[in-house]
Protein backbone atom coordinates (compact mmCIF):
# COMPACT_ATOMS: atom_id res chain seq x y z
CA MET A 1 0.00 0.00 0.00
CA ALA A 2 1.23 3.50 -0.80
CA ASP A 3 0.65 4.79 2.72
CA GLN A 4 2.54 1.99 4.48
CA ALA A 5 5.97 2.78 5.93
CA PRO A 6 8.63 0.99 3.87
CA ALA A 7 10.32 -1.83 5.76
CA VAL A 8 13.90 -0.62 5.44
CA PRO A 9 16.63 -0.62 8.07
CA ALA A 10 17.87 2.50 9.79
CA THR A 11 21.16 3.75 8.37
CA ASP A 12 23.99 5.94 9.56
CA ARG A 13 22.87 8.71 7.23
CA ILE A 14 20.53 10.15 9.90
CA ALA A 15 21.71 11.55 13.24
CA ILE A 16 18.83 11.88 15.74
CA GLU A 17 19.51 14.64 18.27
CA SER A 18 16.28 14.58 20.32
CA TRP A 19 13.10 12.51 20.47
CA ASN A 20 10.84 13.59 23.33
CA ASP A 21 7.58 15.37 24.18
CA LYS A 22 9.01 18.70 23.03
CA GLU A 23 10.56 17.87 19.68
CA ILE A 24 12.01 15.31 17.32
CA SER A 25 15.10 16.70 15.62
CA GLY A 26 18.16 15.57 13.77
CA THR A 27 20.49 16.04 10.87
CA VAL A 28 21.07 14.36 7.53
CA ARG A 29 24.81 13.83 7.44
CA ASN A 30 25.31 14.16 3.69
CA GLY A 31 22.83 17.02 3.34
CA ASP A 32 21.09 15.15 0.53
CA ALA A 33 17.55 14.76 1.89
CA VAL A 34 14.75 15.43 -0.59
CA ARG A 35 11.66 14.28 1.31
CA LEU A 36 10.59 13.62 4.90
CA ASN A 37 7.78 11.16 5.65
CA ILE A 38 6.18 10.80 9.08
CA TYR A 39 4.25 7.62 9.88
CA LEU A 40 2.12 6.89 12.92
CA ALA A 41 1.24 3.26 13.66
CA ASN A 42 2.44 2.36 10.16
CA ARG A 43 0.12 4.86 8.44
CA ARG A 44 1.54 7.91 6.74
CA MET A 45 0.55 11.21 8.30
CA VAL A 46 2.55 13.62 6.19
CA SER A 47 5.04 13.68 3.31
CA LEU A 48 7.07 16.86 2.91
CA ASP A 49 9.68 18.32 0.61
CA ALA A 50 9.66 21.67 2.44
CA SER A 51 8.85 23.07 5.88
CA VAL A 52 5.34 23.55 7.29
CA PRO A 53 4.41 25.31 10.57
CA LEU A 54 5.02 22.32 12.88
CA VAL A 55 7.78 20.68 10.88
CA HIS A 56 11.06 22.25 9.77
CA PHE A 57 12.71 20.33 6.95
CA ASP A 58 15.52 21.06 4.53
CA ASN A 59 18.28 19.05 2.88
CA ALA A 60 20.35 18.76 6.04
CA THR A 61 18.09 19.15 9.11
CA PHE A 62 14.62 18.35 10.42
CA GLN A 63 12.68 19.35 13.51
CA VAL A 64 9.17 18.21 14.45
CA ASN A 65 7.32 20.14 17.18
CA THR A 66 5.78 17.48 19.47
CA GLU A 67 4.75 19.72 22.38
CA PHE A 68 1.09 19.17 21.56
CA PHE A 69 1.40 15.55 20.55
CA PRO A 70 0.39 12.62 22.80
CA ALA A 71 3.51 11.40 24.56
CA ALA A 72 2.48 7.76 24.31
CA CYS A 73 2.22 8.04 20.52
CA LEU A 74 5.87 9.06 20.20
CA ARG A 75 6.94 5.42 20.38
CA ASP A 76 4.76 4.66 17.35
CA ILE A 77 6.19 7.37 15.10
CA ASN A 78 8.50 6.31 12.30
CA LEU A 79 10.52 8.82 10.25
CA THR A 80 11.82 8.11 6.78
CA ILE A 81 14.17 10.31 4.81
CA GLU A 82 14.32 9.96 1.04
CA HIS A 83 17.80 10.82 -0.24
CA ALA A 84 18.79 12.31 -3.57
CA ASP A 85 20.38 9.02 -4.68
CA GLY A 86 17.12 7.10 -4.08
CA ALA A 87 18.16 5.54 -0.77
CA ILE A 88 15.73 5.63 2.16
CA SER A 89 16.71 6.02 5.80
CA SER A 90 14.19 4.99 8.44
CA PHE A 91 14.25 5.58 12.17
CA ASN A 92 12.17 4.83 15.25
CA PRO A 93 13.75 5.11 18.72
CA ASN A 94 12.22 1.81 19.82
CA ASP A 95 12.76 0.09 16.48
CA VAL A 96 8.99 -0.51 16.37
CA ARG A 97 7.50 -1.55 13.05
CA HIS A 98 3.80 -2.32 12.90
CA VAL A 99 2.90 -5.09 10.52
CA SER A 100 -0.61 -5.97 11.72
CA ASN A 101 -3.66 -4.86 9.78
CA ALA A 102 -5.64 -4.86 13.05
CA VAL A 103 -5.42 -1.13 13.65
CA PRO A 104 -8.06 1.13 15.23
CA HIS A 105 -10.15 3.57 13.25
CA SER A 106 -8.06 6.57 14.33
CA LEU A 107 -4.37 7.12 13.67
CA TYR A 108 -4.02 8.11 17.31
CA GLY A 109 -5.18 4.89 18.93
CA GLY A 110 -8.45 3.72 20.40
CA MET A 111 -10.17 1.31 22.73
CA TRP A 112 -10.81 -2.33 21.86
CA ILE A 113 -14.23 -1.36 20.50
CA ASP A 114 -12.46 0.78 17.88
CA TYR A 115 -10.72 -2.19 16.25
CA PRO A 116 -12.14 -4.17 13.32
CA ASP A 117 -12.47 -7.33 15.42
CA TRP A 118 -14.50 -5.65 18.20
CA GLU A 119 -17.54 -7.87 17.67
CA GLU A 120 -15.53 -11.07 17.88
CA ARG A 121 -13.91 -9.82 21.08
CA LEU A 122 -17.29 -8.84 22.50
CA ASN A 123 -18.65 -12.33 21.85
CA GLU A 124 -15.63 -13.81 23.63
CA LYS A 125 -16.28 -11.56 26.63
CA LEU A 126 -19.90 -12.70 26.66
CA ARG A 127 -18.92 -16.38 26.53
CA ASP A 128 -16.40 -15.87 29.33
CA GLY A 129 -18.87 -13.98 31.49
CA VAL A 130 -16.72 -10.82 31.46
CA VAL A 131 -19.68 -8.68 30.37
CA SER A 132 -23.41 -9.14 30.76
CA GLU A 133 -25.84 -9.21 27.84
CA THR A 134 -27.15 -5.83 29.02
CA VAL A 135 -23.70 -4.26 28.79
CA ALA A 136 -23.01 -6.04 25.49
CA GLU A 137 -26.12 -4.49 23.94
CA LEU A 138 -25.04 -1.05 25.16
CA ILE A 139 -21.61 -1.61 23.60
CA ARG A 140 -23.18 -2.56 20.25
CA THR A 141 -25.16 0.69 20.28
CA PHE A 142 -22.10 2.66 21.33
CA VAL A 143 -20.00 1.24 18.49
CA ALA A 144 -22.71 1.99 15.92
CA ASP A 145 -23.82 5.44 17.08
CA GLY A 146 -20.93 6.83 19.14
CA TYR A 147 -23.07 7.26 22.24
CA VAL A 148 -25.46 5.41 24.51
CA VAL A 149 -28.15 6.55 26.96
CA ILE A 150 -28.72 4.94 30.36
CA PRO A 151 -32.08 6.16 31.71
CA GLN A 152 -32.28 7.01 35.42
CA ALA A 153 -28.69 5.93 36.03
CA VAL A 154 -28.31 8.59 38.74
CA SER A 155 -30.85 8.33 41.54
CA PRO A 156 -33.24 11.20 42.37
CA GLU A 157 -31.59 11.47 45.79
CA VAL A 158 -28.12 12.01 44.32
CA VAL A 159 -29.47 14.53 41.79
CA ALA A 160 -31.16 16.47 44.59
CA HIS A 161 -27.99 16.43 46.71
CA VAL A 162 -25.88 17.74 43.83
CA ASN A 163 -28.33 20.56 43.15
CA ASP A 164 -28.39 21.49 46.84
CA ARG A 165 -24.60 21.60 46.95
CA MET A 166 -24.52 23.80 43.86
CA LEU A 167 -26.51 26.34 45.86
CA ASP A 168 -23.75 26.20 48.48
CA VAL A 169 -21.14 26.79 45.78
CA TRP A 170 -22.91 29.91 44.55
CA ALA A 171 -23.35 31.10 48.14
CA GLY A 172 -19.56 31.09 48.53
CA GLN A 173 -19.54 28.17 50.97
CA VAL A 174 -17.14 25.99 48.95
CA PRO A 175 -13.75 27.75 49.03
CA GLY A 176 -11.32 27.14 46.19
CA HIS A 177 -13.96 26.17 43.62
CA LYS A 178 -13.15 27.62 40.20
CA ILE A 179 -15.41 28.75 37.38
CA GLU A 180 -14.74 29.39 33.71
CA VAL A 181 -16.57 32.45 32.44
CA TYR A 182 -16.72 32.79 28.69
CA GLY A 183 -18.03 35.13 26.05
CA GLU A 184 -15.78 37.43 24.07
CA SER A 185 -12.92 36.14 26.22
CA VAL A 186 -12.40 33.21 28.58
CA GLN A 187 -11.23 33.55 32.17
CA VAL A 188 -10.90 31.10 35.06
CA VAL A 189 -11.68 32.73 38.40
CA ASP A 190 -13.01 31.90 41.86
CA VAL A 191 -16.75 31.31 41.97
CA ASP A 192 -18.68 34.51 42.60
CA SER A 193 -22.45 34.99 42.44
CA LYS A 194 -21.96 37.92 40.05
CA TYR A 195 -21.15 35.37 37.34
CA TYR A 196 -24.29 33.28 37.85
CA SER A 197 -26.31 34.78 35.00
CA GLN A 198 -23.35 34.82 32.59
CA ALA A 199 -22.24 32.00 30.31
CA HIS A 200 -20.10 29.81 32.54
CA LYS A 201 -19.13 26.34 33.67
CA LEU A 202 -18.07 25.25 37.14
CA LEU A 203 -14.78 23.34 37.02
CA ASP A 204 -14.14 19.96 38.65
CA SER A 205 -16.91 20.13 41.23
CA TYR A 206 -16.06 16.57 42.24
CA ALA A 207 -12.79 17.85 43.72
CA PHE A 208 -14.76 19.81 46.32
CA ILE A 209 -18.16 18.11 46.54
CA PRO A 210 -18.45 14.36 47.21
CA GLU A 211 -22.00 14.43 45.85
CA ALA A 212 -20.57 15.28 42.41
CA GLN A 213 -18.37 12.19 42.66
CA HIS A 214 -21.44 10.08 43.34
CA ALA A 215 -23.27 11.56 40.34
CA ALA A 216 -20.32 10.73 38.08
CA SER A 217 -19.92 7.18 39.37
CA ALA A 218 -23.39 5.70 39.09
CA PRO A 219 -23.10 1.87 39.10
CA ALA A 220 -24.53 1.30 35.61
CA VAL A 221 -22.21 3.94 34.16
CA VAL A 222 -19.14 2.51 35.89
CA GLU A 223 -19.99 -1.02 34.74
CA PHE A 224 -20.26 0.12 31.12
CA MET A 225 -17.11 2.25 31.12
CA SER A 226 -15.07 -0.43 32.90
CA ALA A 227 -16.03 -2.90 30.18
CA VAL A 228 -15.08 -0.50 27.38
CA PHE A 229 -11.85 0.71 28.98
CA GLU A 230 -10.94 -2.78 30.22
CA ASP A 231 -9.75 -0.85 33.23
CA LYS A 232 -11.01 1.24 36.12
CA PRO A 233 -12.34 4.59 34.84
CA LYS A 234 -10.42 7.74 35.73
CA ALA A 235 -12.42 10.99 35.89
CA PHE A 236 -10.09 13.86 35.07
CA GLN A 237 -12.34 16.81 34.19
CA GLN A 238 -15.85 17.87 35.16
CA LEU A 239 -17.97 20.77 33.91
CA THR A 240 -21.19 21.77 35.65
CA PHE A 241 -23.64 23.92 33.69
CA GLU A 242 -26.56 26.03 34.80
CA TRP A 243 -27.37 27.33 31.31
CA GLY A 244 -27.08 25.99 27.79
CA SER A 245 -23.54 26.49 26.49
CA GLN A 246 -24.45 26.99 22.80
CA GLN A 247 -20.98 25.63 22.06
CA ALA A 248 -20.34 24.93 18.39
CA ILE A 249 -20.39 21.29 17.35
CA HIS A 250 -16.90 19.95 18.04
CA LYS A 251 -14.97 16.83 19.01
CA ASP A 252 -13.47 16.63 22.48
CA THR A 253 -10.24 15.12 21.19
CA ALA A 254 -9.25 18.53 19.81
CA TYR A 255 -9.20 20.10 23.30
CA VAL A 256 -9.34 17.42 26.01
CA LYS A 257 -5.89 15.91 25.98
CA ILE A 258 -4.72 12.51 27.23
CA ASP A 259 -1.03 11.70 27.20
CA GLY A 260 -1.57 7.96 27.16
CA ASN A 261 -3.89 6.68 24.46
CA PRO A 262 -5.55 9.96 23.33
CA MET A 263 -8.56 8.10 21.95
CA SER A 264 -9.14 6.19 25.18
CA MET A 265 -11.74 8.64 26.41
CA MET A 266 -15.45 8.86 27.09
CA ALA A 267 -17.64 11.57 28.56
CA THR A 268 -20.90 11.52 30.47
CA TRP A 269 -23.70 14.08 30.33
CA VAL A 270 -25.82 13.84 33.49
CA ALA A 271 -29.15 15.65 33.51
CA LEU A 272 -29.62 17.45 36.84
CA GLU A 273 -33.19 18.38 35.87
CA ASP A 274 -35.66 17.55 33.12
CA ILE A 275 -34.25 19.20 29.99
CA THR A 276 -36.64 20.96 27.65
CA GLU A 277 -36.23 22.04 24.06
CA GLY A 278 -34.89 25.53 23.46
CA THR A 279 -32.62 25.59 26.52
CA GLY A 280 -29.42 24.80 24.63
CA GLU A 281 -29.87 21.05 24.83
CA LEU A 282 -27.05 18.72 23.80
CA GLU A 283 -26.94 17.90 20.09
CA TYR A 284 -24.70 15.56 18.11
CA TYR A 285 -24.11 13.83 14.80
CA VAL A 286 -25.00 10.16 15.17
CA GLY A 287 -22.10 7.95 14.05
CA SER A 288 -19.66 10.84 13.65
CA HIS A 289 -17.08 9.10 15.85
CA ARG A 290 -16.16 7.10 12.74
CA SER A 291 -15.46 10.03 10.44
CA PRO A 292 -11.78 10.63 9.55
CA ASP A 293 -9.29 12.25 11.91
CA TYR A 294 -8.87 15.98 11.53
CA ILE A 295 -5.11 16.46 11.84
CA PHE A 296 -3.96 19.87 13.04
CA GLY A 297 -0.81 21.17 11.40
CA SER A 298 -0.46 17.87 9.51
CA LEU A 299 0.66 16.28 12.77
CA SER A 300 -1.59 16.42 15.83
CA LYS A 301 -5.07 15.52 17.00
CA TRP A 302 -4.89 18.51 19.37
CA MET A 303 -6.04 21.96 18.31
CA GLU A 304 -3.27 23.77 20.21
CA ALA A 305 -0.79 22.43 17.67
CA ALA A 306 -2.32 24.70 15.00
CA PRO A 307 -5.00 26.99 16.51
CA GLN A 308 -5.26 28.94 13.27
CA GLU A 309 -7.05 25.90 11.81
CA HIS A 310 -9.84 25.88 14.40
CA GLU A 311 -12.57 27.26 12.15
CA ASP A 312 -11.58 24.84 9.39
CA PHE A 313 -11.84 22.00 11.91
CA LEU A 314 -15.36 23.01 12.96
CA ALA A 315 -16.46 23.35 9.35
CA ALA A 316 -15.01 19.92 8.53
CA LEU A 317 -17.29 18.26 11.09
CA HIS A 318 -20.41 19.47 9.29
CA ALA A 319 -18.91 18.56 5.92
CA ASP A 320 -18.12 15.06 7.20
CA ALA A 321 -21.65 14.66 8.55
CA GLU A 322 -23.07 15.49 5.13
CA ALA A 323 -20.57 13.29 3.30
CA TYR A 324 -21.14 10.24 5.52
CA GLY A 325 -24.85 10.69 6.18
CA HIS A 326 -24.63 11.34 9.92
CA ARG A 327 -27.98 12.68 11.11
CA ARG A 328 -28.22 15.45 13.70
CA ALA A 329 -30.00 14.52 16.94
CA LYS A 330 -30.79 16.11 20.31
CA PHE A 331 -30.83 14.84 23.89
CA LEU A 332 -33.92 15.80 25.91
CA PRO A 333 -33.49 13.72 29.07
CA LYS A 334 -35.26 13.44 32.38
CA ALA A 335 -33.34 14.22 35.57
CA GLY A 336 -30.94 11.36 36.31
CA ASP A 337 -30.61 10.18 32.70
CA VAL A 338 -27.02 9.80 31.50
CA LEU A 339 -25.66 10.00 27.96
CA ILE A 340 -22.17 8.54 27.45
CA TRP A 341 -20.33 9.58 24.31
CA HIS A 342 -17.25 8.38 22.45
CA ALA A 343 -14.11 10.55 22.39
CA ASP A 344 -14.69 11.49 18.74
CA LEU A 345 -18.45 12.04 18.66
CA ALA A 346 -19.16 15.46 17.13
CA HIS A 347 -21.44 17.29 19.56
CA GLY A 348 -22.29 20.72 20.91
CA GLY A 349 -24.92 22.88 22.56
CA SER A 350 -27.93 23.82 20.46
CA ALA A 351 -29.21 27.39 20.23
CA VAL A 352 -30.97 28.84 23.27
CA THR A 353 -34.41 30.10 22.28
CA ARG A 354 -36.00 30.11 25.75
CA HIS A 355 -33.80 32.60 27.54
CA GLY A 356 -33.75 32.48 31.32
CA VAL A 357 -34.65 28.77 31.44
CA THR A 358 -31.95 26.61 33.01
CA ARG A 359 -30.30 23.52 31.54
CA ARG A 360 -28.68 22.05 34.65
CA SER A 361 -26.24 19.33 33.70
CA GLN A 362 -22.88 17.87 34.57
CA VAL A 363 -20.30 16.67 32.05
CA THR A 364 -17.40 14.46 33.16
CA HIS A 365 -14.51 13.29 31.01
CA PHE A 366 -12.99 9.88 31.70
CA THR A 367 -10.05 7.82 30.54
CA ALA A 368 -8.68 4.44 31.60
CA ALA A 369 -6.90 4.45 34.96
CA LYS A 370 -3.60 3.50 33.30
CA ASN A 371 -3.63 6.73 31.24
CA ALA A 372 -2.77 10.24 32.36
CA PRO A 373 -4.34 13.55 31.33
CA TYR A 374 -2.01 16.00 29.62
CA TYR A 375 -2.05 18.28 32.66
CA SER A 376 -0.33 15.58 34.71
CA ARG A 377 2.90 16.78 33.08
CA TRP A 378 2.88 19.62 35.62
CA SER A 379 0.02 18.93 38.06
CA GLY A 380 0.35 16.59 41.02
CA PHE A 381 -2.79 16.94 43.14
CA ALA A 382 -4.00 13.96 45.16
CA SER A 383 -6.73 11.79 43.69
CA ASN A 384 -9.57 9.89 45.34
CA VAL A 385 -11.28 6.61 44.48
CA ARG A 386 -15.03 6.32 44.91
CA ASN A 387 -17.42 3.67 43.60
CA GLY A 388 -14.74 2.17 41.35
CA VAL A 389 -13.71 5.49 39.76
CA GLU A 390 -10.46 7.38 40.33
CA PHE A 391 -11.05 11.14 40.48
CA VAL A 392 -8.20 13.56 39.73
CA SER A 393 -8.17 17.31 39.13
CA SER A 394 -5.80 19.98 37.83
CA TYR A 395 -7.24 22.51 40.31
CA SER A 396 -7.13 20.84 43.71
CA ASN A 397 -6.69 17.69 45.72
CA VAL A 398 -9.87 15.64 45.41
CA THR A 399 -11.71 15.54 48.72
CA PRO A 400 -12.40 12.03 50.05
CA ASP A 401 -15.35 13.10 52.25
């Protein structure tokens, strides 16, 4: 196949100077390079004969900016240099060459459900009693649509307790709790009642409020996520909304960064009240988790690698939906209903037409316990385990009580 990395040995014509989570750089000793190819998991990402914003390349040197590139994917990168005399030099620091055709949908990894043999593996799990038929049916829906709904997963008592504690937050009784206020600009500040009526989201409430941990770790949700992750879930970000966000349709993988397997991610949307149409209800393109990767700067899944492409990225999601026939749908749940979505499901907040009507909800992002969020590169707050979920935050130690 044309996009497969050629199986050639590394030669002494390349000198690698660095290969880390900041950059990959090196020199071509004879200064005779004519093309640089970058492969990820044996699939070609980019082929260059000149520099682009994230990649410097000339006849004698190359430098790839990997600051906004998942650290765990660095071991799967392979570089090849085409020389003027037709020779090809190939290099990977771990000498890893992928030969299997069993690769996930995305270049950047995935969970077992993202591999072509997911159904065979699911049947094996059923036979071995690893998953129940109830969970298996949820997984089938999740694979097909990119999301699944578990009605009344969070009990009325827990919903009521969370809402009561949110009143305490706004009354200034939960010190240290942060809020993101957005509009023309975005700022993260301490919670203050003056922001209540503005567009906002409370950040990592579970770090301060045990009730928010309970809402995010409902038994049916934990059972499903544990089966999909094949690991204990790790909650690493939570957003609590009072009003509809009206956020443009997007994919979380552009902004919510995991340093392990960047596609090993799910999110939950917990309704903290009955949601009615016109309040900025959640909307999404069904099946959009299987549309192609949008690659920022020809290199990264993460928007920060090439923020100037953000509008193109958003436009591409609508174009993909039209091209692949993904219908647009909305979520109008009852209090306690939970929608779980795949890392790459295109979703957003619909337009608010009933101003002044709340849309109380709580979104939590999860990965497998073995993975680390990007912010763990500099953040070291203590985590807490509750109901089979590890909770970690970039803002505070997570309270155990």
